[in-house]
Protein backbone atom coordinates (compact mmCIF):
# COMPACT_ATOMS: atom_id res chain seq x y z
CA MET A 1 0.00 0.00 0.00
CA ILE A 2 2.81 2.40 0.94
CA GLU A 3 4.68 1.63 -2.30
CA ILE A 4 1.58 2.30 -4.39
CA ASP A 5 1.08 5.65 -2.65
CA LEU A 6 4.72 6.54 -3.36
CA ILE A 7 4.36 5.58 -7.03
CA LEU A 8 1.20 7.67 -7.37
CA GLU A 9 2.90 10.63 -5.68
CA LYS A 10 5.84 10.44 -8.10
CA LEU A 11 3.56 10.08 -11.13
CA ASN A 12 1.55 13.06 -9.93
CA VAL A 13 4.71 15.17 -9.90
CA CYS A 14 5.60 13.95 -13.38
CA TYR A 15 2.13 14.42 -14.89
CA PRO A 16 0.36 17.29 -13.08
CA ASP A 17 -1.83 17.80 -16.14
CA ALA A 18 -3.04 14.17 -16.34
CA ARG A 19 -6.69 14.14 -17.43
CA CYS A 20 -9.14 12.58 -19.84
CA GLU A 21 -7.95 13.42 -23.35
CA LEU A 22 -11.25 12.72 -25.09
CA ASP A 23 -13.09 15.88 -26.16
CA TYR A 24 -16.67 16.16 -24.87
CA LYS A 25 -19.18 18.69 -23.57
CA SER A 26 -21.70 16.45 -21.81
CA PRO A 27 -21.97 13.01 -20.18
CA PHE A 28 -23.71 11.78 -23.33
CA GLN A 29 -20.88 12.95 -25.57
CA LEU A 30 -18.31 11.34 -23.28
CA LEU A 31 -20.24 8.06 -23.33
CA ILE A 32 -20.30 8.04 -27.14
CA ALA A 33 -16.63 9.08 -27.40
CA THR A 34 -15.54 6.37 -24.97
CA ILE A 35 -17.43 3.68 -26.89
CA LEU A 36 -15.77 4.90 -30.08
CA SER A 37 -12.33 4.83 -28.42
CA ALA A 38 -12.27 1.02 -28.07
CA GLN A 39 -9.27 -0.16 -30.11
CA ALA A 40 -8.81 3.39 -31.40
CA THR A 41 -6.67 6.33 -30.30
CA ASP A 42 -8.11 9.35 -28.49
CA LYS A 43 -6.62 11.49 -31.26
CA SER A 44 -8.56 9.66 -33.99
CA VAL A 45 -11.76 9.77 -31.93
CA ASN A 46 -11.41 13.50 -31.27
CA LYS A 47 -10.88 14.12 -34.97
CA LEU A 48 -14.12 12.27 -35.73
CA THR A 49 -16.24 13.68 -32.90
CA GLY A 50 -15.09 17.23 -33.65
CA THR A 51 -17.44 17.12 -36.63
CA LEU A 52 -19.89 14.52 -35.36
CA PHE A 53 -20.75 16.37 -32.14
CA GLN A 54 -20.99 19.67 -33.97
CA ASP A 55 -23.63 18.23 -36.29
CA TYR A 56 -25.25 15.94 -33.70
CA PRO A 57 -24.57 17.47 -30.28
CA ASP A 58 -27.03 15.55 -28.11
CA LEU A 59 -29.19 12.46 -27.75
CA ASP A 60 -32.17 13.88 -29.64
CA ALA A 61 -29.92 14.70 -32.59
CA PHE A 62 -28.46 11.18 -32.58
CA LEU A 63 -31.97 9.73 -32.56
CA GLU A 64 -32.55 11.32 -35.95
CA LEU A 65 -29.87 9.09 -37.48
CA SER A 66 -30.64 5.66 -38.85
CA GLU A 67 -28.21 2.89 -37.97
CA LYS A 68 -26.87 2.98 -41.54
CA GLU A 69 -26.39 6.76 -41.42
CA LEU A 70 -24.61 6.49 -38.07
CA SER A 71 -22.37 3.77 -39.46
CA GLU A 72 -21.39 6.05 -42.34
CA LYS A 73 -20.61 8.89 -39.93
CA ILE A 74 -18.14 6.81 -37.90
CA LYS A 75 -16.71 4.51 -40.57
CA GLU A 76 -13.19 5.91 -40.20
CA ILE A 77 -13.04 4.39 -36.71
CA GLY A 78 -12.20 0.72 -36.16
CA LEU A 79 -15.07 -1.70 -35.46
CA TYR A 80 -17.46 0.97 -36.74
CA LYS A 81 -20.21 -1.49 -37.71
CA SER A 82 -20.54 -3.02 -34.25
CA LYS A 83 -20.11 0.38 -32.61
CA SER A 84 -22.84 1.97 -34.72
CA LYS A 85 -25.19 -0.89 -33.89
CA SER A 86 -24.50 -0.49 -30.15
CA ILE A 87 -24.80 3.30 -30.19
CA TYR A 88 -28.05 3.17 -32.20
CA ARG A 89 -29.63 0.80 -29.65
CA LEU A 90 -28.13 2.63 -26.68
CA CYS A 91 -29.63 5.96 -27.73
CA ARG A 92 -33.13 4.49 -27.81
CA ILE A 93 -32.70 2.86 -24.42
CA LEU A 94 -31.52 6.15 -22.92
CA LYS A 95 -34.57 7.92 -24.37
CA ASN A 96 -37.13 5.29 -23.40
CA ASP A 97 -35.79 3.98 -20.09
CA TYR A 98 -33.71 6.82 -18.64
CA ASN A 99 -35.59 9.97 -19.63
CA GLY A 100 -32.80 10.82 -22.04
CA LYS A 101 -30.20 10.97 -19.28
CA VAL A 102 -26.98 8.97 -18.89
CA PRO A 103 -27.35 6.76 -15.78
CA LYS A 104 -24.96 7.19 -12.87
CA THR A 105 -24.44 3.62 -11.64
CA LEU A 106 -22.05 0.93 -12.85
CA LYS A 107 -24.85 -1.64 -13.12
CA GLU A 108 -27.10 0.58 -15.24
CA LEU A 109 -24.27 1.69 -17.50
CA THR A 110 -22.93 -1.81 -18.12
CA ASN A 111 -26.43 -2.94 -19.07
CA LEU A 112 -26.31 -0.57 -22.03
CA PRO A 113 -25.24 -1.96 -25.44
CA GLY A 114 -21.51 -1.60 -26.09
CA VAL A 115 -20.72 -0.48 -22.55
CA GLY A 116 -18.32 -2.60 -20.53
CA LYS A 117 -16.82 -1.95 -17.13
CA LYS A 118 -14.03 0.23 -18.53
CA THR A 119 -16.37 2.52 -20.46
CA ALA A 120 -18.78 2.72 -17.54
CA SER A 121 -15.95 3.59 -15.14
CA VAL A 122 -14.71 6.37 -17.42
CA VAL A 123 -18.18 7.91 -17.58
CA LEU A 124 -18.74 7.60 -13.84
CA SER A 125 -15.39 9.09 -12.89
CA VAL A 126 -14.88 11.72 -15.58
CA ALA A 127 -18.44 12.90 -16.27
CA PHE A 128 -19.85 12.59 -12.75
CA GLY A 129 -16.83 12.54 -10.42
CA ILE A 130 -17.98 9.22 -8.95
CA PRO A 131 -15.00 7.14 -7.72
CA ALA A 132 -14.07 4.43 -10.22
CA LEU A 133 -10.85 3.15 -11.74
CA ALA A 134 -11.14 2.39 -15.43
CA VAL A 135 -8.58 -0.06 -16.81
CA ASP A 136 -7.70 0.35 -20.47
CA THR A 137 -4.69 -1.12 -22.27
CA HIS A 138 -2.32 1.47 -20.77
CA VAL A 139 -3.49 1.04 -17.18
CA PHE A 140 -3.45 -2.75 -17.61
CA ARG A 141 0.11 -2.76 -18.97
CA VAL A 142 1.58 -0.21 -16.55
CA ALA A 143 0.05 -1.68 -13.40
CA ARG A 144 1.20 -5.21 -14.28
CA ARG A 145 4.65 -4.14 -15.50
CA ILE A 146 5.40 -2.07 -12.42
CA GLY A 147 4.24 -5.00 -10.29
CA LEU A 148 1.17 -3.46 -8.67
CA THR A 149 -0.99 -6.43 -9.65
CA GLU A 150 -0.67 -9.94 -11.02
CA MET A 151 -4.26 -10.15 -12.22
CA ASP A 152 -4.68 -11.21 -15.85
CA THR A 153 -7.83 -9.44 -17.10
CA PRO A 154 -8.73 -5.73 -17.13
CA ASP A 155 -11.73 -6.23 -14.83
CA LYS A 156 -9.66 -8.20 -12.32
CA VAL A 157 -6.89 -5.60 -12.47
CA ALA A 158 -9.48 -2.88 -11.79
CA ASP A 159 -10.82 -4.71 -8.74
CA ASP A 160 -7.31 -5.43 -7.46
CA LEU A 161 -6.11 -1.85 -7.85
CA MET A 162 -9.23 -0.48 -6.18
CA SER A 163 -8.58 -2.79 -3.22
CA LYS A 164 -5.05 -1.39 -2.86
CA ILE A 165 -5.58 2.30 -3.63
CA GLU A 166 -7.58 4.69 -1.47
CA LYS A 167 -11.00 5.38 -2.96
CA ASN A 168 -10.41 9.12 -3.20
CA LYS A 169 -7.37 8.42 -5.41
CA TRP A 170 -9.02 6.06 -7.93
CA ILE A 171 -9.87 8.70 -10.53
CA ARG A 172 -6.48 10.37 -10.34
CA ALA A 173 -4.67 7.02 -10.50
CA HIS A 174 -6.51 6.13 -13.71
CA HIS A 175 -5.32 9.30 -15.45
CA LEU A 176 -1.77 9.02 -14.10
CA PHE A 177 -1.34 5.42 -15.29
CA ILE A 178 -2.65 6.35 -18.75
CA PHE A 179 -0.34 9.34 -19.10
CA HIS A 180 2.62 7.24 -17.93
CA GLY A 181 1.73 4.49 -20.39
CA ARG A 182 1.45 6.89 -23.31
CA ARG A 183 4.49 9.02 -22.58
CA THR A 184 7.04 6.80 -20.81
CA CYS A 185 6.02 3.20 -20.11
CA LYS A 186 5.17 2.44 -23.73
CA ALA A 187 4.30 -1.06 -24.90
CA ARG A 188 7.25 -1.69 -27.21
CA LYS A 189 9.94 0.74 -26.12
CA PRO A 190 9.48 1.82 -22.51
CA ASP A 191 11.81 4.65 -21.52
CA CYS A 192 13.00 2.98 -18.32
CA GLU A 193 16.10 5.17 -18.03
CA ASN A 194 14.04 8.34 -17.69
CA CYS A 195 11.12 6.81 -15.79
CA ILE A 196 10.28 8.57 -12.53
CA VAL A 197 9.32 5.27 -10.85
CA ASN A 198 12.12 3.08 -12.21
CA LYS A 199 13.36 2.36 -8.67
CA GLU A 200 9.96 1.01 -7.61
CA CYS A 201 9.21 -0.78 -10.91
CA LYS A 202 9.52 -4.56 -11.11
CA LYS A 203 9.94 -4.28 -14.91
CA ILE A 204 7.75 -7.30 -15.54
CA GLY A 205 7.47 -8.27 -19.19
CA ILE A 206 10.28 -5.98 -20.40
């Protein structure tokens, strides 16, 4: 526990600006952007949503799109066919079952089409400030490589990290691990020499 706190403190010094890098103006936009970000970069998603959200800024606007039209709008993003199908269904569920609002519980969010624990945790923590620790590929890699967890699936890693990190630090930890994974602890060529936590790191898998 003490080592994790030390690692988070060091990462916080290194990345004071760590935050969600998806562009959004509402919980609904963040939900859509996060679904689109699966197996895609935030940069590519932001490029797409810059136009998409300008033309279709809210749920009611999205409801005007047919599934085929939606698919055409997001076709430059990977897995666009399955994503358009999920988003099309999700929008109607939000309108019919949730009064057009994005729900604020993990259970309700993960019941929506195309929304797994990671996406739900991002929406809860970033849009609503509700403590959650989303585990994407960067968080998964960094936490395991440093030696903070030995769990072998994103959901298990999330549960393990949340059991070891104070609840009020979950959201911050998520952003710090992502920034570290993108800027220093990269998948193929981690910059171990210049890593701020290289003394604490177990360097697993390097």
